[in-house]
């Protein structure tokens, strides 16, 4: 996923506008628009400010593998999980366990067939 796509996704997830992010970070709205459209990219300082603002790593924004996970989906899962409240995290884990149990049942059925 490109930087511009990740940035757009983070803005949308938090129900923000480009203009609001630009204002919060003291960046010209047109500059933020260029980042989101993929026309331009931020300098290192701005990249760090964006990472801090969205509580993600610059590696995440630049799509650099961290070698802590197997793929982008695991990185994304961890990022989303960390952005939740403790209560939301508990519910999320319980929902995940439901899927794991359902998969086990499917595997047992497939072996029986």
PDB file of N, CA and C in Angstrom:
ATOM      1  N   UNK A   1       0.842  -1.175   0.000  1.00  0.00           N
ATOM      2  CA  UNK A   1       0.000   0.000   0.000  1.00  0.00           C
ATOM      3  C   UNK A   1       0.892   1.244   0.000  1.00  0.00           C
ATOM      4  N   UNK A   2       0.595   2.171  -0.841  1.00  0.00           N
ATOM      5  CA  UNK A   2       1.381   3.399  -0.962  1.00  0.00           C
ATOM      6  C   UNK A   2       1.144   4.340   0.220  1.00  0.00           C
ATOM      7  N   UNK A   3       2.105   5.238   0.431  1.00  0.00           N
ATOM      8  CA  UNK A   3       2.004   6.223   1.510  1.00  0.00           C
ATOM      9  C   UNK A   3       0.682   6.981   1.434  1.00  0.00           C
ATOM     10  N   UNK A   4       0.337   7.452   0.241  1.00  0.00           N
ATOM     11  CA  UNK A   4      -0.885   8.261   0.098  1.00  0.00           C
ATOM     12  C   UNK A   4      -2.126   7.461   0.495  1.00  0.00           C
ATOM     13  N   UNK A   5      -2.145   6.171   0.183  1.00  0.00           N
ATOM     14  CA  UNK A   5      -3.290   5.328   0.520  1.00  0.00           C
ATOM     15  C   UNK A   5      -3.373   5.100   2.024  1.00  0.00           C
ATOM     16  N   UNK A   6      -2.227   4.892   2.648  1.00  0.00           N
ATOM     17  CA  UNK A   6      -2.219   4.707   4.104  1.00  0.00           C
ATOM     18  C   UNK A   6      -2.682   5.985   4.802  1.00  0.00           C
ATOM     19  N   UNK A   7      -2.195   7.111   4.340  1.00  0.00           N
ATOM     20  CA  UNK A   7      -2.583   8.388   4.935  1.00  0.00           C
ATOM     21  C   UNK A   7      -4.082   8.613   4.784  1.00  0.00           C
ATOM     22  N   UNK A   8      -4.587   8.394   3.592  1.00  0.00           N
ATOM     23  CA  UNK A   8      -6.025   8.556   3.341  1.00  0.00           C
ATOM     24  C   UNK A   8      -6.830   7.644   4.265  1.00  0.00           C
ATOM     25  N   UNK A   9      -6.384   6.413   4.406  1.00  0.00           N
ATOM     26  CA  UNK A   9      -7.069   5.449   5.258  1.00  0.00           C
ATOM     27  C   UNK A   9      -7.080   5.889   6.720  1.00  0.00           C
ATOM     28  N   UNK A  10      -5.956   6.379   7.207  1.00  0.00           N
ATOM     29  CA  UNK A  10      -5.878   6.851   8.593  1.00  0.00           C
ATOM     30  C   UNK A  10      -6.804   8.041   8.824  1.00  0.00           C
ATOM     31  N   UNK A  11      -6.861   8.933   7.873  1.00  0.00           N
ATOM     32  CA  UNK A  11      -7.739  10.106   7.985  1.00  0.00           C
ATOM     33  C   UNK A  11      -9.197   9.654   8.031  1.00  0.00           C
ATOM     34  N   UNK A  12      -9.557   8.750   7.146  1.00  0.00           N
ATOM     35  CA  UNK A  12     -10.943   8.269   7.088  1.00  0.00           C
ATOM     36  C   UNK A  12     -11.321   7.468   8.324  1.00  0.00           C
ATOM     37  N   UNK A  13     -10.420   6.617   8.805  1.00  0.00           N
ATOM     38  CA  UNK A  13     -10.688   5.800   9.996  1.00  0.00           C
ATOM     39  C   UNK A  13     -11.036   6.656  11.200  1.00  0.00           C
ATOM     40  N   UNK A  14     -10.383   7.781  11.297  1.00  0.00           N
ATOM     41  CA  UNK A  14     -10.586   8.646  12.458  1.00  0.00           C
ATOM     42  C   UNK A  14     -11.666   9.701  12.217  1.00  0.00           C
ATOM     43  N   UNK A  15     -12.322   9.562  11.077  1.00  0.00           N
ATOM     44  CA  UNK A  15     -13.414  10.475  10.728  1.00  0.00           C
ATOM     45  C   UNK A  15     -12.956  11.935  10.766  1.00  0.00           C
ATOM     46  N   UNK A  16     -11.765  12.165  10.220  1.00  0.00           N
ATOM     47  CA  UNK A  16     -11.195  13.507  10.135  1.00  0.00           C
ATOM     48  C   UNK A  16     -11.286  13.993   8.692  1.00  0.00           C
ATOM     49  N   UNK A  17     -10.949  15.241   8.503  1.00  0.00           N
ATOM     50  CA  UNK A  17     -10.811  15.773   7.154  1.00  0.00           C
ATOM     51  C   UNK A  17      -9.337  16.099   6.927  1.00  0.00           C
ATOM     52  N   UNK A  18      -8.960  16.153   5.673  1.00  0.00           N
ATOM     53  CA  UNK A  18      -7.585  16.550   5.345  1.00  0.00           C
ATOM     54  C   UNK A  18      -7.297  17.935   5.908  1.00  0.00           C
ATOM     55  N   UNK A  19      -8.294  18.792   5.801  1.00  0.00           N
ATOM     56  CA  UNK A  19      -8.144  20.163   6.273  1.00  0.00           C
ATOM     57  C   UNK A  19      -7.889  20.202   7.782  1.00  0.00           C
ATOM     58  N   UNK A  20      -8.593  19.346   8.544  1.00  0.00           N
ATOM     59  CA  UNK A  20      -8.402  19.310   9.995  1.00  0.00           C
ATOM     60  C   UNK A  20      -7.006  18.808  10.354  1.00  0.00           C
ATOM     61  N   UNK A  21      -6.549  17.754   9.677  1.00  0.00           N
ATOM     62  CA  UNK A  21      -5.211  17.231   9.938  1.00  0.00           C
ATOM     63  C   UNK A  21      -4.162  18.291   9.597  1.00  0.00           C
ATOM     64  N   UNK A  22      -4.347  18.946   8.466  1.00  0.00           N
ATOM     65  CA  UNK A  22      -3.416  19.998   8.056  1.00  0.00           C
ATOM     66  C   UNK A  22      -3.362  21.104   9.107  1.00  0.00           C
ATOM     67  N   UNK A  23      -4.522  21.505   9.597  1.00  0.00           N
ATOM     68  CA  UNK A  23      -4.581  22.555  10.615  1.00  0.00           C
ATOM     69  C   UNK A  23      -3.881  22.100  11.893  1.00  0.00           C
ATOM     70  N   UNK A  24      -4.190  20.869  12.340  1.00  0.00           N
ATOM     71  CA  UNK A  24      -3.605  20.349  13.573  1.00  0.00           C
ATOM     72  C   UNK A  24      -2.083  20.254  13.498  1.00  0.00           C
ATOM     73  N   UNK A  25      -1.570  19.966  12.306  1.00  0.00           N
ATOM     74  CA  UNK A  25      -0.129  19.802  12.138  1.00  0.00           C
ATOM     75  C   UNK A  25       0.554  21.045  11.562  1.00  0.00           C
ATOM     76  N   UNK A  26      -0.231  22.107  11.380  1.00  0.00           N
ATOM     77  CA  UNK A  26       0.299  23.356  10.833  1.00  0.00           C
ATOM     78  C   UNK A  26       0.942  23.136   9.459  1.00  0.00           C
ATOM     79  N   UNK A  27       0.187  22.421   8.613  1.00  0.00           N
ATOM     80  CA  UNK A  27       0.598  22.154   7.238  1.00  0.00           C
ATOM     81  C   UNK A  27      -0.427  22.818   6.332  1.00  0.00           C
ATOM     82  N   UNK A  28       0.002  23.357   5.237  1.00  0.00           N
ATOM     83  CA  UNK A  28      -0.940  23.957   4.290  1.00  0.00           C
ATOM     84  C   UNK A  28      -1.906  22.879   3.786  1.00  0.00           C
ATOM     85  N   UNK A  29      -3.201  23.187   3.728  1.00  0.00           N
ATOM     86  CA  UNK A  29      -4.170  22.204   3.225  1.00  0.00           C
ATOM     87  C   UNK A  29      -3.818  21.677   1.829  1.00  0.00           C
ATOM     88  N   UNK A  30      -3.271  22.534   0.991  1.00  0.00           N
ATOM     89  CA  UNK A  30      -2.890  22.089  -0.350  1.00  0.00           C
ATOM     90  C   UNK A  30      -1.747  21.078  -0.292  1.00  0.00           C
ATOM     91  N   UNK A  31      -0.854  21.261   0.667  1.00  0.00           N
ATOM     92  CA  UNK A  31       0.248  20.310   0.849  1.00  0.00           C
ATOM     93  C   UNK A  31      -0.299  18.968   1.302  1.00  0.00           C
ATOM     94  N   UNK A  32      -1.227  18.997   2.271  1.00  0.00           N
ATOM     95  CA  UNK A  32      -1.851  17.756   2.743  1.00  0.00           C
ATOM     96  C   UNK A  32      -2.588  17.074   1.598  1.00  0.00           C
ATOM     97  N   UNK A  33      -3.261  17.855   0.774  1.00  0.00           N
ATOM     98  CA  UNK A  33      -3.954  17.303  -0.393  1.00  0.00           C
ATOM     99  C   UNK A  33      -2.985  16.606  -1.334  1.00  0.00           C
ATOM    100  N   UNK A  34      -1.812  17.183  -1.505  1.00  0.00           N
ATOM    101  CA  UNK A  34      -0.792  16.566  -2.344  1.00  0.00           C
ATOM    102  C   UNK A  34      -0.324  15.235  -1.782  1.00  0.00           C
ATOM    103  N   UNK A  35      -0.192  15.162  -0.456  1.00  0.00           N
ATOM    104  CA  UNK A  35       0.203  13.899   0.188  1.00  0.00           C
ATOM    105  C   UNK A  35      -0.861  12.829  -0.045  1.00  0.00           C
ATOM    106  N   UNK A  36      -2.118  13.193   0.179  1.00  0.00           N
ATOM    107  CA  UNK A  36      -3.222  12.238   0.068  1.00  0.00           C
ATOM    108  C   UNK A  36      -3.430  11.794  -1.383  1.00  0.00           C
ATOM    109  N   UNK A  37      -3.204  12.690  -2.315  1.00  0.00           N
ATOM    110  CA  UNK A  37      -3.376  12.359  -3.733  1.00  0.00           C
ATOM    111  C   UNK A  37      -2.164  11.659  -4.333  1.00  0.00           C
ATOM    112  N   UNK A  38      -1.080  11.599  -3.594  1.00  0.00           N
ATOM    113  CA  UNK A  38       0.130  10.941  -4.082  1.00  0.00           C
ATOM    114  C   UNK A  38       0.941  11.801  -5.022  1.00  0.00           C
ATOM    115  N   UNK A  39       0.668  13.093  -5.030  1.00  0.00           N
ATOM    116  CA  UNK A  39       1.398  14.023  -5.886  1.00  0.00           C
ATOM    117  C   UNK A  39       2.741  14.388  -5.263  1.00  0.00           C
ATOM    118  N   UNK A  40       2.746  14.452  -3.930  1.00  0.00           N
ATOM    119  CA  UNK A  40       3.983  14.796  -3.220  1.00  0.00           C
ATOM    120  C   UNK A  40       4.094  13.930  -1.969  1.00  0.00           C
ATOM    121  N   UNK A  41       5.267  13.970  -1.360  1.00  0.00           N
ATOM    122  CA  UNK A  41       5.511  13.222  -0.134  1.00  0.00           C
ATOM    123  C   UNK A  41       6.135  14.154   0.892  1.00  0.00           C
ATOM    124  N   UNK A  42       5.914  13.863   2.171  1.00  0.00           N
ATOM    125  CA  UNK A  42       6.440  14.754   3.207  1.00  0.00           C
ATOM    126  C   UNK A  42       7.943  14.588   3.405  1.00  0.00           C
ATOM    127  N   UNK A  43       8.549  15.630   3.954  1.00  0.00           N
ATOM    128  CA  UNK A  43       9.950  15.520   4.359  1.00  0.00           C
ATOM    129  C   UNK A  43      10.007  14.692   5.641  1.00  0.00           C
ATOM    130  N   UNK A  44      11.203  14.397   6.118  1.00  0.00           N
ATOM    131  CA  UNK A  44      11.358  13.528   7.286  1.00  0.00           C
ATOM    132  C   UNK A  44      10.657  14.079   8.522  1.00  0.00           C
ATOM    133  N   UNK A  45      10.791  15.362   8.780  1.00  0.00           N
ATOM    134  CA  UNK A  45      10.163  15.963   9.960  1.00  0.00           C
ATOM    135  C   UNK A  45       8.651  15.847   9.900  1.00  0.00           C
ATOM    136  N   UNK A  46       8.086  16.125   8.753  1.00  0.00           N
ATOM    137  CA  UNK A  46       6.630  16.031   8.595  1.00  0.00           C
ATOM    138  C   UNK A  46       6.178  14.586   8.703  1.00  0.00           C
ATOM    139  N   UNK A  47       6.958  13.672   8.158  1.00  0.00           N
ATOM    140  CA  UNK A  47       6.639  12.249   8.267  1.00  0.00           C
ATOM    141  C   UNK A  47       6.580  11.838   9.743  1.00  0.00           C
ATOM    142  N   UNK A  48       7.545  12.292  10.529  1.00  0.00           N
ATOM    143  CA  UNK A  48       7.556  11.979  11.957  1.00  0.00           C
ATOM    144  C   UNK A  48       6.329  12.579  12.648  1.00  0.00           C
ATOM    145  N   UNK A  49       5.980  13.795  12.287  1.00  0.00           N
ATOM    146  CA  UNK A  49       4.804  14.441  12.894  1.00  0.00           C
ATOM    147  C   UNK A  49       3.528  13.696  12.537  1.00  0.00           C
ATOM    148  N   UNK A  50       3.417  13.249  11.284  1.00  0.00           N
ATOM    149  CA  UNK A  50       2.247  12.470  10.862  1.00  0.00           C
ATOM    150  C   UNK A  50       2.165  11.146  11.627  1.00  0.00           C
ATOM    151  N   UNK A  51       3.305  10.477  11.770  1.00  0.00           N
ATOM    152  CA  UNK A  51       3.332   9.207  12.503  1.00  0.00           C
ATOM    153  C   UNK A  51       2.894   9.422  13.950  1.00  0.00           C
ATOM    154  N   UNK A  52       3.415  10.462  14.576  1.00  0.00           N
ATOM    155  CA  UNK A  52       3.040  10.766  15.958  1.00  0.00           C
ATOM    156  C   UNK A  52       1.551  11.118  16.049  1.00  0.00           C
ATOM    157  N   UNK A  53       1.079  11.914  15.139  1.00  0.00           N
ATOM    158  CA  UNK A  53      -0.323  12.354  15.139  1.00  0.00           C
ATOM    159  C   UNK A  53      -1.276  11.158  15.058  1.00  0.00           C
ATOM    160  N   UNK A  54      -0.958  10.202  14.193  1.00  0.00           N
ATOM    161  CA  UNK A  54      -1.828   9.047  13.997  1.00  0.00           C
ATOM    162  C   UNK A  54      -1.445   7.859  14.878  1.00  0.00           C
ATOM    163  N   UNK A  55      -0.412   8.032  15.698  1.00  0.00           N
ATOM    164  CA  UNK A  55       0.048   6.988  16.605  1.00  0.00           C
ATOM    165  C   UNK A  55       0.411   5.703  15.857  1.00  0.00           C
ATOM    166  N   UNK A  56       1.177   5.875  14.797  1.00  0.00           N
ATOM    167  CA  UNK A  56       1.713   4.763  14.018  1.00  0.00           C
ATOM    168  C   UNK A  56       3.204   5.018  13.827  1.00  0.00           C
ATOM    169  N   UNK A  57       3.909   4.025  13.329  1.00  0.00           N
ATOM    170  CA  UNK A  57       5.338   4.219  13.074  1.00  0.00           C
ATOM    171  C   UNK A  57       5.546   4.806  11.681  1.00  0.00           C
ATOM    172  N   UNK A  58       6.693   5.418  11.494  1.00  0.00           N
ATOM    173  CA  UNK A  58       7.025   5.899  10.150  1.00  0.00           C
ATOM    174  C   UNK A  58       7.214   4.701   9.222  1.00  0.00           C
ATOM    175  N   UNK A  59       7.680   3.570   9.761  1.00  0.00           N
ATOM    176  CA  UNK A  59       7.776   2.346   8.956  1.00  0.00           C
ATOM    177  C   UNK A  59       6.407   1.952   8.416  1.00  0.00           C
ATOM    178  N   UNK A  60       5.392   2.065   9.264  1.00  0.00           N
ATOM    179  CA  UNK A  60       4.036   1.744   8.825  1.00  0.00           C
ATOM    180  C   UNK A  60       3.624   2.662   7.671  1.00  0.00           C
ATOM    181  N   UNK A  61       3.844   3.955   7.845  1.00  0.00           N
ATOM    182  CA  UNK A  61       3.457   4.913   6.806  1.00  0.00           C
ATOM    183  C   UNK A  61       4.198   4.667   5.492  1.00  0.00           C
ATOM    184  N   UNK A  62       5.446   4.223   5.594  1.00  0.00           N
ATOM    185  CA  UNK A  62       6.266   4.009   4.403  1.00  0.00           C
ATOM    186  C   UNK A  62       6.195   2.572   3.885  1.00  0.00           C
ATOM    187  N   UNK A  63       5.368   1.749   4.545  1.00  0.00           N
ATOM    188  CA  UNK A  63       5.177   0.354   4.151  1.00  0.00           C
ATOM    189  C   UNK A  63       6.487  -0.448   4.210  1.00  0.00           C
ATOM    190  N   UNK A  64       7.256  -0.200   5.258  1.00  0.00           N
ATOM    191  CA  UNK A  64       8.503  -0.931   5.471  1.00  0.00           C
ATOM    192  C   UNK A  64       8.206  -2.076   6.427  1.00  0.00           C
ATOM    193  N   UNK A  65       8.462  -3.311   6.002  1.00  0.00           N
ATOM    194  CA  UNK A  65       8.185  -4.453   6.891  1.00  0.00           C
ATOM    195  C   UNK A  65       8.989  -4.351   8.187  1.00  0.00           C
ATOM    196  N   UNK A  66       8.346  -4.716   9.284  1.00  0.00           N
ATOM    197  CA  UNK A  66       8.995  -4.628  10.593  1.00  0.00           C
ATOM    198  C   UNK A  66       9.633  -5.940  11.009  1.00  0.00           C
ATOM    199  N   UNK A  67       9.380  -6.996  10.281  1.00  0.00           N
ATOM    200  CA  UNK A  67       9.862  -8.344  10.608  1.00  0.00           C
ATOM    201  C   UNK A  67       9.307  -8.839  11.936  1.00  0.00           C
ATOM    202  N   UNK A  68       8.289  -8.170  12.438  1.00  0.00           N
ATOM    203  CA  UNK A  68       7.609  -8.629  13.651  1.00  0.00           C
ATOM    204  C   UNK A  68       6.336  -9.370  13.309  1.00  0.00           C
ATOM    205  N   UNK A  69       5.983  -9.351  12.047  1.00  0.00           N
ATOM    206  CA  UNK A  69       4.772 -10.040  11.607  1.00  0.00           C
ATOM    207  C   UNK A  69       5.055 -10.709  10.275  1.00  0.00           C
ATOM    208  N   UNK A  70       4.106 -11.500   9.857  1.00  0.00           N
ATOM    209  CA  UNK A  70       4.287 -12.250   8.617  1.00  0.00           C
ATOM    210  C   UNK A  70       3.879 -11.481   7.371  1.00  0.00           C
ATOM    211  N   UNK A  71       3.001 -10.484   7.541  1.00  0.00           N
ATOM    212  CA  UNK A  71       2.504  -9.774   6.372  1.00  0.00           C
ATOM    213  C   UNK A  71       1.806  -8.475   6.773  1.00  0.00           C
ATOM    214  N   UNK A  72       1.358  -7.766   5.761  1.00  0.00           N
ATOM    215  CA  UNK A  72       0.682  -6.485   5.984  1.00  0.00           C
ATOM    216  C   UNK A  72      -0.566  -6.651   6.835  1.00  0.00           C
ATOM    217  N   UNK A  73      -1.319  -7.738   6.615  1.00  0.00           N
ATOM    218  CA  UNK A  73      -2.566  -7.944   7.354  1.00  0.00           C
ATOM    219  C   UNK A  73      -2.296  -8.041   8.865  1.00  0.00           C
ATOM    220  N   UNK A  74      -1.228  -8.723   9.248  1.00  0.00           N
ATOM    221  CA  UNK A  74      -0.898  -8.818  10.667  1.00  0.00           C
ATOM    222  C   UNK A  74      -0.484  -7.451  11.223  1.00  0.00           C
ATOM    223  N   UNK A  75       0.278  -6.705  10.461  1.00  0.00           N
ATOM    224  CA  UNK A  75       0.645  -5.349  10.887  1.00  0.00           C
ATOM    225  C   UNK A  75      -0.601  -4.497  11.077  1.00  0.00           C
ATOM    226  N   UNK A  76      -1.520  -4.607  10.143  1.00  0.00           N
ATOM    227  CA  UNK A  76      -2.753  -3.819  10.193  1.00  0.00           C
ATOM    228  C   UNK A  76      -3.608  -4.241  11.384  1.00  0.00           C
ATOM    229  N   UNK A  77      -3.695  -5.533  11.627  1.00  0.00           N
ATOM    230  CA  UNK A  77      -4.462  -6.048  12.764  1.00  0.00           C
ATOM    231  C   UNK A  77      -3.908  -5.501  14.074  1.00  0.00           C
ATOM    232  N   UNK A  78      -2.601  -5.519  14.214  1.00  0.00           N
ATOM    233  CA  UNK A  78      -1.969  -5.011  15.428  1.00  0.00           C
ATOM    234  C   UNK A  78      -2.187  -3.505  15.579  1.00  0.00           C
ATOM    235  N   UNK A  79      -2.087  -2.773  14.497  1.00  0.00           N
ATOM    236  CA  UNK A  79      -2.297  -1.329  14.564  1.00  0.00           C
ATOM    237  C   UNK A  79      -3.717  -1.004  14.993  1.00  0.00           C
ATOM    238  N   UNK A  80      -4.686  -1.703  14.394  1.00  0.00           N
ATOM    239  CA  UNK A  80      -6.092  -1.470  14.742  1.00  0.00           C
ATOM    240  C   UNK A  80      -6.323  -1.848  16.203  1.00  0.00           C
ATOM    241  N   UNK A  81      -5.806  -3.001  16.610  1.00  0.00           N
ATOM    242  CA  UNK A  81      -5.979  -3.466  17.987  1.00  0.00           C
ATOM    243  C   UNK A  81      -5.443  -2.447  18.988  1.00  0.00           C
ATOM    244  N   UNK A  82      -4.278  -1.908  18.713  1.00  0.00           N
ATOM    245  CA  UNK A  82      -3.668  -0.944  19.632  1.00  0.00           C
ATOM    246  C   UNK A  82      -4.428   0.371  19.718  1.00  0.00           C
ATOM    247  N   UNK A  83      -5.240   0.662  18.734  1.00  0.00           N
ATOM    248  CA  UNK A  83      -5.990   1.915  18.744  1.00  0.00           C
ATOM    249  C   UNK A  83      -7.304   1.799  19.518  1.00  0.00           C
ATOM    250  N   UNK A  84      -7.624   0.601  19.991  1.00  0.00           N
ATOM    251  CA  UNK A  84      -8.885   0.360  20.700  1.00  0.00           C
ATOM    252  C   UNK A  84      -8.726   0.573  22.201  1.00  0.00           C
ATOM    253  N   UNK A  85      -9.873   0.750  22.857  1.00  0.00           N
ATOM    254  CA  UNK A  85      -9.874   0.793  24.315  1.00  0.00           C
ATOM    255  C   UNK A  85      -9.664  -0.631  24.831  1.00  0.00           C
ATOM    256  N   UNK A  86      -9.369  -0.778  26.098  1.00  0.00           N
ATOM    257  CA  UNK A  86      -9.150  -2.099  26.710  1.00  0.00           C
ATOM    258  C   UNK A  86     -10.404  -2.970  26.549  1.00  0.00           C
ATOM    259  N   UNK A  87     -11.557  -2.381  26.767  1.00  0.00           N
ATOM    260  CA  UNK A  87     -12.820  -3.129  26.632  1.00  0.00           C
ATOM    261  C   UNK A  87     -13.026  -3.594  25.185  1.00  0.00           C
ATOM    262  N   UNK A  88     -12.758  -2.713  24.229  1.00  0.00           N
ATOM    263  CA  UNK A  88     -12.891  -3.078  22.821  1.00  0.00           C
ATOM    264  C   UNK A  88     -11.916  -4.189  22.457  1.00  0.00           C
ATOM    265  N   UNK A  89     -10.708  -4.127  23.002  1.00  0.00           N
ATOM    266  CA  UNK A  89      -9.717  -5.167  22.730  1.00  0.00           C
ATOM    267  C   UNK A  89     -10.210  -6.526  23.221  1.00  0.00           C
ATOM    268  N   UNK A  90     -10.811  -6.548  24.413  1.00  0.00           N
ATOM    269  CA  UNK A  90     -11.330  -7.808  24.954  1.00  0.00           C
ATOM    270  C   UNK A  90     -12.429  -8.379  24.061  1.00  0.00           C
ATOM    271  N   UNK A  91     -13.326  -7.531  23.612  1.00  0.00           N
ATOM    272  CA  UNK A  91     -14.394  -7.981  22.713  1.00  0.00           C
ATOM    273  C   UNK A  91     -13.828  -8.486  21.395  1.00  0.00           C
ATOM    274  N   UNK A  92     -12.847  -7.790  20.887  1.00  0.00           N
ATOM    275  CA  UNK A  92     -12.202  -8.148  19.625  1.00  0.00           C
ATOM    276  C   UNK A  92     -11.558  -9.532  19.722  1.00  0.00           C
ATOM    277  N   UNK A  93     -10.895  -9.786  20.837  1.00  0.00           N
ATOM    278  CA  UNK A  93     -10.256 -11.089  21.054  1.00  0.00           C
ATOM    279  C   UNK A  93     -11.313 -12.187  21.126  1.00  0.00           C
ATOM    280  N   UNK A  94     -12.397 -11.918  21.851  1.00  0.00           N
ATOM    281  CA  UNK A  94     -13.454 -12.928  21.952  1.00  0.00           C
ATOM    282  C   UNK A  94     -14.070 -13.221  20.582  1.00  0.00           C
ATOM    283  N   UNK A  95     -14.251 -12.202  19.763  1.00  0.00           N
ATOM    284  CA  UNK A  95     -14.766 -12.418  18.416  1.00  0.00           C
ATOM    285  C   UNK A  95     -13.791 -13.254  17.591  1.00  0.00           C
ATOM    286  N   UNK A  96     -12.505 -12.977  17.737  1.00  0.00           N
ATOM    287  CA  UNK A  96     -11.498 -13.751  17.026  1.00  0.00           C
ATOM    288  C   UNK A  96     -11.530 -15.215  17.429  1.00  0.00           C
ATOM    289  N   UNK A  97     -11.744 -15.475  18.722  1.00  0.00           N
ATOM    290  CA  UNK A  97     -11.816 -16.852  19.207  1.00  0.00           C
ATOM    291  C   UNK A  97     -13.007 -17.593  18.602  1.00  0.00           C
ATOM    292  N   UNK A  98     -14.097 -16.878  18.361  1.00  0.00           N
ATOM    293  CA  UNK A  98     -15.262 -17.487  17.707  1.00  0.00           C
ATOM    294  C   UNK A  98     -14.867 -17.976  16.319  1.00  0.00           C
ATOM    295  N   UNK A  99     -14.112 -17.183  15.590  1.00  0.00           N
ATOM    296  CA  UNK A  99     -13.656 -17.590  14.253  1.00  0.00           C
ATOM    297  C   UNK A  99     -12.730 -18.803  14.328  1.00  0.00           C
ATOM    298  N   UNK A 100     -11.855 -18.812  15.318  1.00  0.00           N
ATOM    299  CA  UNK A 100     -10.929 -19.937  15.473  1.00  0.00           C
ATOM    300  C   UNK A 100     -11.710 -21.228  15.736  1.00  0.00           C
ATOM    301  N   UNK A 101     -12.704 -21.141  16.624  1.00  0.00           N
ATOM    302  CA  UNK A 101     -13.523 -22.331  16.910  1.00  0.00           C
ATOM    303  C   UNK A 101     -14.295 -22.773  15.667  1.00  0.00           C
ATOM    304  N   UNK A 102     -14.834 -21.821  14.925  1.00  0.00           N
ATOM    305  CA  UNK A 102     -15.574 -22.152  13.699  1.00  0.00           C
ATOM    306  C   UNK A 102     -14.658 -22.832  12.687  1.00  0.00           C
ATOM    307  N   UNK A 103     -13.441 -22.383  12.571  1.00  0.00           N
ATOM    308  CA  UNK A 103     -12.477 -23.011  11.659  1.00  0.00           C
ATOM    309  C   UNK A 103     -12.171 -24.440  12.088  1.00  0.00           C
ATOM    310  N   UNK A 104     -12.052 -24.658  13.403  1.00  0.00           N
ATOM    311  CA  UNK A 104     -11.780 -25.999  13.913  1.00  0.00           C
ATOM    312  C   UNK A 104     -12.931 -26.937  13.586  1.00  0.00           C
ATOM    313  N   UNK A 105     -14.151 -26.456  13.726  1.00  0.00           N
ATOM    314  CA  UNK A 105     -15.328 -27.265  13.396  1.00  0.00           C
ATOM    315  C   UNK A 105     -15.327 -27.606  11.909  1.00  0.00           C
ATOM    316  N   UNK A 106     -15.010 -26.632  11.073  1.00  0.00           N
ATOM    317  CA  UNK A 106     -14.957 -26.871   9.620  1.00  0.00           C
ATOM    318  C   UNK A 106     -13.906 -27.918   9.279  1.00  0.00           C
ATOM    319  N   UNK A 107     -12.761 -27.845   9.930  1.00  0.00           N
ATOM    320  CA  UNK A 107     -11.678 -28.822   9.673  1.00  0.00           C
ATOM    321  C   UNK A 107     -12.125 -30.216  10.100  1.00  0.00           C
ATOM    322  N   UNK A 108     -12.794 -30.305  11.248  1.00  0.00           N
ATOM    323  CA  UNK A 108     -13.286 -31.618  11.708  1.00  0.00           C
ATOM    324  C   UNK A 108     -14.292 -32.193  10.730  1.00  0.00           C
ATOM    325  N   UNK A 109     -15.178 -31.352  10.220  1.00  0.00           N
ATOM    326  CA  UNK A 109     -16.181 -31.802   9.243  1.00  0.00           C
ATOM    327  C   UNK A 109     -15.503 -32.285   7.958  1.00  0.00           C
ATOM    328  N   UNK A 110     -14.483 -31.561   7.545  1.00  0.00           N
ATOM    329  CA  UNK A 110     -13.778 -31.931   6.322  1.00  0.00           C
ATOM    330  C   UNK A 110     -13.053 -33.274   6.498  1.00  0.00           C
ATOM    331  N   UNK A 111     -12.518 -33.543   7.677  1.00  0.00           N
ATOM    332  CA  UNK A 111     -11.841 -34.811   7.946  1.00  0.00           C
ATOM    333  C   UNK A 111     -12.835 -35.955   7.975  1.00  0.00           C
ATOM    334  N   UNK A 112     -14.044 -35.688   8.456  1.00  0.00           N
ATOM    335  CA  UNK A 112     -15.069 -36.725   8.557  1.00  0.00           C
ATOM    336  C   UNK A 112     -15.636 -37.126   7.196  1.00  0.00           C
ATOM    337  N   UNK A 113     -15.547 -36.213   6.265  1.00  0.00           N
ATOM    338  CA  UNK A 113     -16.155 -36.458   4.948  1.00  0.00           C
ATOM    339  C   UNK A 113     -15.374 -37.408   4.102  1.00  0.00           C
TER     340      UNK A 113
END
